Amino acid sequence: MEIVLNGQPMSLTAPISVAQLVEQLGFLGKRIAVERNGEIVPKSQYSTCDLACADRLEIVVAVGGG
């Protein structure tokens, strides 16, 4: 299954949820925002939001500072 992650094509071997992708990418426990096909995915829905072929995802890591 092919998706686009932060503008780059990515192949997934099996259907997964946003939560599984976040864990696979090493973002677990970090402050992130996930956008799927132009809409923000609430953190409470990561485990129930299954990815589909051709989904476009943007994952942004919050960076602290002043």
PDB file of N, CA and C in Angstrom:
ATOM      1  N   MET A   1       0.852  -1.165   0.000  1.00  0.00           N
ATOM      2  CA  MET A   1       0.000   0.000   0.000  1.00  0.00           C
ATOM      3  C   MET A   1       0.901   1.233   0.000  1.00  0.00           C
ATOM      4  N   GLU A   2       0.610   2.174  -0.846  1.00  0.00           N
ATOM      5  CA  GLU A   2       1.399   3.397  -0.975  1.00  0.00           C
ATOM      6  C   GLU A   2       0.665   4.574  -0.331  1.00  0.00           C
ATOM      7  N   ILE A   3       1.391   5.340   0.486  1.00  0.00           N
ATOM      8  CA  ILE A   3       0.883   6.591   1.029  1.00  0.00           C
ATOM      9  C   ILE A   3       1.937   7.665   0.764  1.00  0.00           C
ATOM     10  N   VAL A   4       1.594   8.903   1.065  1.00  0.00           N
ATOM     11  CA  VAL A   4       2.559   9.996   0.964  1.00  0.00           C
ATOM     12  C   VAL A   4       2.710  10.560   2.373  1.00  0.00           C
ATOM     13  N   LEU A   5       3.932  10.545   2.888  1.00  0.00           N
ATOM     14  CA  LEU A   5       4.218  11.027   4.237  1.00  0.00           C
ATOM     15  C   LEU A   5       5.159  12.212   4.153  1.00  0.00           C
ATOM     16  N   ASN A   6       4.683  13.358   4.607  1.00  0.00           N
ATOM     17  CA  ASN A   6       5.471  14.601   4.555  1.00  0.00           C
ATOM     18  C   ASN A   6       6.056  14.841   3.162  1.00  0.00           C
ATOM     19  N   GLY A   7       5.238  14.596   2.138  1.00  0.00           N
ATOM     20  CA  GLY A   7       5.628  14.868   0.762  1.00  0.00           C
ATOM     21  C   GLY A   7       6.432  13.771   0.086  1.00  0.00           C
ATOM     22  N   GLN A   8       6.741  12.695   0.814  1.00  0.00           N
ATOM     23  CA  GLN A   8       7.551  11.612   0.254  1.00  0.00           C
ATOM     24  C   GLN A   8       6.728  10.324   0.163  1.00  0.00           C
ATOM     25  N   PRO A   9       6.821   9.596  -0.956  1.00  0.00           N
ATOM     26  CA  PRO A   9       6.106   8.329  -1.061  1.00  0.00           C
ATOM     27  C   PRO A   9       6.635   7.333  -0.031  1.00  0.00           C
ATOM     28  N   MET A  10       5.732   6.533   0.501  1.00  0.00           N
ATOM     29  CA  MET A  10       6.099   5.518   1.488  1.00  0.00           C
ATOM     30  C   MET A  10       5.275   4.270   1.230  1.00  0.00           C
ATOM     31  N   SER A  11       5.929   3.122   1.267  1.00  0.00           N
ATOM     32  CA  SER A  11       5.236   1.846   1.082  1.00  0.00           C
ATOM     33  C   SER A  11       4.987   1.208   2.438  1.00  0.00           C
ATOM     34  N   LEU A  12       3.773   0.732   2.624  1.00  0.00           N
ATOM     35  CA  LEU A  12       3.410  -0.009   3.828  1.00  0.00           C
ATOM     36  C   LEU A  12       3.092  -1.432   3.419  1.00  0.00           C
ATOM     37  N   THR A  13       3.556  -2.393   4.206  1.00  0.00           N
ATOM     38  CA  THR A  13       3.350  -3.800   3.848  1.00  0.00           C
ATOM     39  C   THR A  13       1.960  -4.298   4.199  1.00  0.00           C
ATOM     40  N   ALA A  14       1.303  -3.627   5.146  1.00  0.00           N
ATOM     41  CA  ALA A  14      -0.035  -4.050   5.569  1.00  0.00           C
ATOM     42  C   ALA A  14      -0.820  -2.817   6.000  1.00  0.00           C
ATOM     43  N   PRO A  15      -2.129  -2.892   5.968  1.00  0.00           N
ATOM     44  CA  PRO A  15      -2.938  -1.770   6.462  1.00  0.00           C
ATOM     45  C   PRO A  15      -2.641  -1.528   7.950  1.00  0.00           C
ATOM     46  N   ILE A  16      -2.461  -0.259   8.321  1.00  0.00           N
ATOM     47  CA  ILE A  16      -2.197   0.086   9.714  1.00  0.00           C
ATOM     48  C   ILE A  16      -2.966   1.340  10.092  1.00  0.00           C
ATOM     49  N   SER A  17      -3.025   1.593  11.386  1.00  0.00           N
ATOM     50  CA  SER A  17      -3.680   2.798  11.888  1.00  0.00           C
ATOM     51  C   SER A  17      -2.650   3.911  12.038  1.00  0.00           C
ATOM     52  N   VAL A  18      -3.139   5.116  12.265  1.00  0.00           N
ATOM     53  CA  VAL A  18      -2.246   6.240  12.512  1.00  0.00           C
ATOM     54  C   VAL A  18      -1.392   5.949  13.739  1.00  0.00           C
ATOM     55  N   ALA A  19      -1.986   5.371  14.790  1.00  0.00           N
ATOM     56  CA  ALA A  19      -1.246   5.049  16.018  1.00  0.00           C
ATOM     57  C   ALA A  19      -0.094   4.091  15.727  1.00  0.00           C
ATOM     58  N   GLN A  20      -0.331   3.091  14.909  1.00  0.00           N
ATOM     59  CA  GLN A  20       0.722   2.134  14.573  1.00  0.00           C
ATOM     60  C   GLN A  20       1.832   2.793  13.766  1.00  0.00           C
ATOM     61  N   LEU A  21       1.478   3.680  12.848  1.00  0.00           N
ATOM     62  CA  LEU A  21       2.480   4.380  12.050  1.00  0.00           C
ATOM     63  C   LEU A  21       3.313   5.304  12.936  1.00  0.00           C
ATOM     64  N   VAL A  22       2.660   6.018  13.835  1.00  0.00           N
ATOM     65  CA  VAL A  22       3.369   6.912  14.755  1.00  0.00           C
ATOM     66  C   VAL A  22       4.387   6.110  15.567  1.00  0.00           C
ATOM     67  N   GLU A  23       3.982   4.950  16.053  1.00  0.00           N
ATOM     68  CA  GLU A  23       4.898   4.104  16.824  1.00  0.00           C
ATOM     69  C   GLU A  23       6.040   3.591  15.947  1.00  0.00           C
ATOM     70  N   GLN A  24       5.705   3.147  14.745  1.00  0.00           N
ATOM     71  CA  GLN A  24       6.704   2.610  13.814  1.00  0.00           C
ATOM     72  C   GLN A  24       7.755   3.666  13.457  1.00  0.00           C
ATOM     73  N   LEU A  25       7.338   4.916  13.367  1.00  0.00           N
ATOM     74  CA  LEU A  25       8.252   6.000  12.998  1.00  0.00           C
ATOM     75  C   LEU A  25       9.038   6.546  14.189  1.00  0.00           C
ATOM     76  N   GLY A  26       8.745   6.057  15.395  1.00  0.00           N
ATOM     77  CA  GLY A  26       9.479   6.487  16.577  1.00  0.00           C
ATOM     78  C   GLY A  26       8.983   7.780  17.201  1.00  0.00           C
ATOM     79  N   PHE A  27       7.745   8.152  16.918  1.00  0.00           N
ATOM     80  CA  PHE A  27       7.183   9.384  17.467  1.00  0.00           C
ATOM     81  C   PHE A  27       6.376   9.154  18.739  1.00  0.00           C
ATOM     82  N   LEU A  28       6.314   7.937  19.216  1.00  0.00           N
ATOM     83  CA  LEU A  28       5.530   7.613  20.406  1.00  0.00           C
ATOM     84  C   LEU A  28       6.041   8.418  21.596  1.00  0.00           C
ATOM     85  N   GLY A  29       5.137   9.102  22.279  1.00  0.00           N
ATOM     86  CA  GLY A  29       5.505   9.899  23.446  1.00  0.00           C
ATOM     87  C   GLY A  29       5.949  11.312  23.117  1.00  0.00           C
ATOM     88  N   LYS A  30       6.075  11.636  21.835  1.00  0.00           N
ATOM     89  CA  LYS A  30       6.476  12.991  21.438  1.00  0.00           C
ATOM     90  C   LYS A  30       5.226  13.817  21.128  1.00  0.00           C
ATOM     91  N   ARG A  31       5.388  15.116  21.240  1.00  0.00           N
ATOM     92  CA  ARG A  31       4.274  16.024  20.923  1.00  0.00           C
ATOM     93  C   ARG A  31       4.241  16.225  19.412  1.00  0.00           C
ATOM     94  N   ILE A  32       3.234  15.644  18.786  1.00  0.00           N
ATOM     95  CA  ILE A  32       3.115  15.719  17.331  1.00  0.00           C
ATOM     96  C   ILE A  32       1.708  16.131  16.938  1.00  0.00           C
ATOM     97  N   ALA A  33       1.584  16.553  15.704  1.00  0.00           N
ATOM     98  CA  ALA A  33       0.288  16.799  15.081  1.00  0.00           C
ATOM     99  C   ALA A  33       0.258  15.975  13.803  1.00  0.00           C
ATOM    100  N   VAL A  34      -0.877  15.320  13.559  1.00  0.00           N
ATOM    101  CA  VAL A  34      -1.027  14.494  12.360  1.00  0.00           C
ATOM    102  C   VAL A  34      -2.174  15.049  11.531  1.00  0.00           C
ATOM    103  N   GLU A  35      -1.876  15.269  10.253  1.00  0.00           N
ATOM    104  CA  GLU A  35      -2.893  15.706   9.299  1.00  0.00           C
ATOM    105  C   GLU A  35      -3.037  14.612   8.260  1.00  0.00           C
ATOM    106  N   ARG A  36      -4.266  14.205   8.006  1.00  0.00           N
ATOM    107  CA  ARG A  36      -4.549  13.169   7.005  1.00  0.00           C
ATOM    108  C   ARG A  36      -5.473  13.751   5.953  1.00  0.00           C
ATOM    109  N   ASN A  37      -4.993  13.798   4.728  1.00  0.00           N
ATOM    110  CA  ASN A  37      -5.769  14.325   3.606  1.00  0.00           C
ATOM    111  C   ASN A  37      -6.360  15.702   3.902  1.00  0.00           C
ATOM    112  N   GLY A  38      -5.539  16.550   4.522  1.00  0.00           N
ATOM    113  CA  GLY A  38      -5.949  17.926   4.761  1.00  0.00           C
ATOM    114  C   GLY A  38      -6.717  18.162   6.044  1.00  0.00           C
ATOM    115  N   GLU A  39      -6.961  17.133   6.844  1.00  0.00           N
ATOM    116  CA  GLU A  39      -7.711  17.296   8.087  1.00  0.00           C
ATOM    117  C   GLU A  39      -6.894  16.782   9.263  1.00  0.00           C
ATOM    118  N   ILE A  40      -6.904  17.552  10.354  1.00  0.00           N
ATOM    119  CA  ILE A  40      -6.187  17.155  11.566  1.00  0.00           C
ATOM    120  C   ILE A  40      -6.855  15.912  12.156  1.00  0.00           C
ATOM    121  N   VAL A  41      -6.037  14.949  12.557  1.00  0.00           N
ATOM    122  CA  VAL A  41      -6.544  13.751  13.229  1.00  0.00           C
ATOM    123  C   VAL A  41      -6.356  13.964  14.732  1.00  0.00           C
ATOM    124  N   PRO A  42      -7.457  14.020  15.503  1.00  0.00           N
ATOM    125  CA  PRO A  42      -7.317  14.161  16.954  1.00  0.00           C
ATOM    126  C   PRO A  42      -6.565  12.967  17.541  1.00  0.00           C
ATOM    127  N   LYS A  43      -5.725  13.225  18.537  1.00  0.00           N
ATOM    128  CA  LYS A  43      -4.931  12.167  19.145  1.00  0.00           C
ATOM    129  C   LYS A  43      -5.817  11.032  19.650  1.00  0.00           C
ATOM    130  N   SER A  44      -7.009  11.357  20.113  1.00  0.00           N
ATOM    131  CA  SER A  44      -7.932  10.344  20.625  1.00  0.00           C
ATOM    132  C   SER A  44      -8.407   9.387  19.535  1.00  0.00           C
ATOM    133  N   GLN A  45      -8.194   9.739  18.270  1.00  0.00           N
ATOM    134  CA  GLN A  45      -8.645   8.899  17.158  1.00  0.00           C
ATOM    135  C   GLN A  45      -7.510   8.186  16.431  1.00  0.00           C
ATOM    136  N   TYR A  46      -6.270   8.344  16.898  1.00  0.00           N
ATOM    137  CA  TYR A  46      -5.136   7.711  16.227  1.00  0.00           C
ATOM    138  C   TYR A  46      -5.332   6.203  16.080  1.00  0.00           C
ATOM    139  N   SER A  47      -5.816   5.531  17.133  1.00  0.00           N
ATOM    140  CA  SER A  47      -5.917   4.065  17.093  1.00  0.00           C
ATOM    141  C   SER A  47      -7.069   3.579  16.223  1.00  0.00           C
ATOM    142  N   THR A  48      -8.055   4.418  15.955  1.00  0.00           N
ATOM    143  CA  THR A  48      -9.201   3.999  15.144  1.00  0.00           C
ATOM    144  C   THR A  48      -9.155   4.541  13.721  1.00  0.00           C
ATOM    145  N   CYS A  49      -8.161   5.381  13.427  1.00  0.00           N
ATOM    146  CA  CYS A  49      -8.033   5.976  12.093  1.00  0.00           C
ATOM    147  C   CYS A  49      -7.114   5.100  11.238  1.00  0.00           C
ATOM    148  N   ASP A  50      -7.715   4.249  10.421  1.00  0.00           N
ATOM    149  CA  ASP A  50      -6.939   3.349   9.558  1.00  0.00           C
ATOM    150  C   ASP A  50      -6.530   4.064   8.275  1.00  0.00           C
ATOM    151  N   LEU A  51      -5.293   3.826   7.866  1.00  0.00           N
ATOM    152  CA  LEU A  51      -4.789   4.445   6.647  1.00  0.00           C
ATOM    153  C   LEU A  51      -5.267   3.689   5.420  1.00  0.00           C
ATOM    154  N   ALA A  52      -5.475   4.429   4.342  1.00  0.00           N
ATOM    155  CA  ALA A  52      -5.914   3.846   3.078  1.00  0.00           C
ATOM    156  C   ALA A  52      -4.892   4.186   2.000  1.00  0.00           C
ATOM    157  N   CYS A  53      -4.900   3.419   0.945  1.00  0.00           N
ATOM    158  CA  CYS A  53      -3.994   3.646  -0.174  1.00  0.00           C
ATOM    159  C   CYS A  53      -4.161   5.079  -0.681  1.00  0.00           C
ATOM    160  N   ALA A  54      -3.053   5.734  -0.957  1.00  0.00           N
ATOM    161  CA  ALA A  54      -3.003   7.095  -1.498  1.00  0.00           C
ATOM    162  C   ALA A  54      -3.305   8.180  -0.469  1.00  0.00           C
ATOM    163  N   ASP A  55      -3.420   7.826   0.828  1.00  0.00           N
ATOM    164  CA  ASP A  55      -3.582   8.854   1.854  1.00  0.00           C
ATOM    165  C   ASP A  55      -2.361   9.759   1.842  1.00  0.00           C
ATOM    166  N   ARG A  56      -2.603  11.039   2.130  1.00  0.00           N
ATOM    167  CA  ARG A  56      -1.523  12.017   2.245  1.00  0.00           C
ATOM    168  C   ARG A  56      -1.453  12.436   3.706  1.00  0.00           C
ATOM    169  N   LEU A  57      -0.309  12.155   4.341  1.00  0.00           N
ATOM    170  CA  LEU A  57      -0.119  12.471   5.751  1.00  0.00           C
ATOM    171  C   LEU A  57       0.977  13.492   5.944  1.00  0.00           C
ATOM    172  N   GLU A  58       0.755  14.369   6.906  1.00  0.00           N
ATOM    173  CA  GLU A  58       1.788  15.286   7.357  1.00  0.00           C
ATOM    174  C   GLU A  58       1.901  15.063   8.857  1.00  0.00           C
ATOM    175  N   ILE A  59       3.101  14.782   9.324  1.00  0.00           N
ATOM    176  CA  ILE A  59       3.353  14.638  10.750  1.00  0.00           C
ATOM    177  C   ILE A  59       4.365  15.713  11.139  1.00  0.00           C
ATOM    178  N   VAL A  60       3.967  16.550  12.091  1.00  0.00           N
ATOM    179  CA  VAL A  60       4.794  17.669  12.528  1.00  0.00           C
ATOM    180  C   VAL A  60       5.113  17.470  14.006  1.00  0.00           C
ATOM    181  N   VAL A  61       6.390  17.573  14.350  1.00  0.00           N
ATOM    182  CA  VAL A  61       6.828  17.465  15.743  1.00  0.00           C
ATOM    183  C   VAL A  61       6.913  18.858  16.333  1.00  0.00           C
ATOM    184  N   ALA A  62       6.249  19.024  17.500  1.00  0.00           N
ATOM    185  CA  ALA A  62       6.293  20.315  18.192  1.00  0.00           C
ATOM    186  C   ALA A  62       7.673  20.514  18.803  1.00  0.00           C
ATOM    187  N   VAL A  63       8.235  21.701  18.611  1.00  0.00           N
ATOM    188  CA  VAL A  63       9.552  22.017  19.130  1.00  0.00           C
ATOM    189  C   VAL A  63       9.401  23.194  20.082  1.00  0.00           C
ATOM    190  N   GLY A  64       9.894  23.025  21.298  1.00  0.00           N
ATOM    191  CA  GLY A  64       9.831  24.106  22.274  1.00  0.00           C
ATOM    192  C   GLY A  64      10.931  25.109  22.034  1.00  0.00           C
ATOM    193  N   GLY A  65      10.744  26.273  22.583  1.00  0.00           N
ATOM    194  CA  GLY A  65      11.765  27.300  22.434  1.00  0.00           C
ATOM    195  C   GLY A  65      11.186  28.668  22.685  1.00  0.00           C
ATOM    196  N   GLY A  66      11.981  29.646  22.513  1.00  0.00           N
ATOM    197  CA  GLY A  66      11.491  30.982  22.779  1.00  0.00           C
ATOM    198  C   GLY A  66      11.960  31.977  21.779  1.00  0.00           C
TER     199      GLY A  66
END
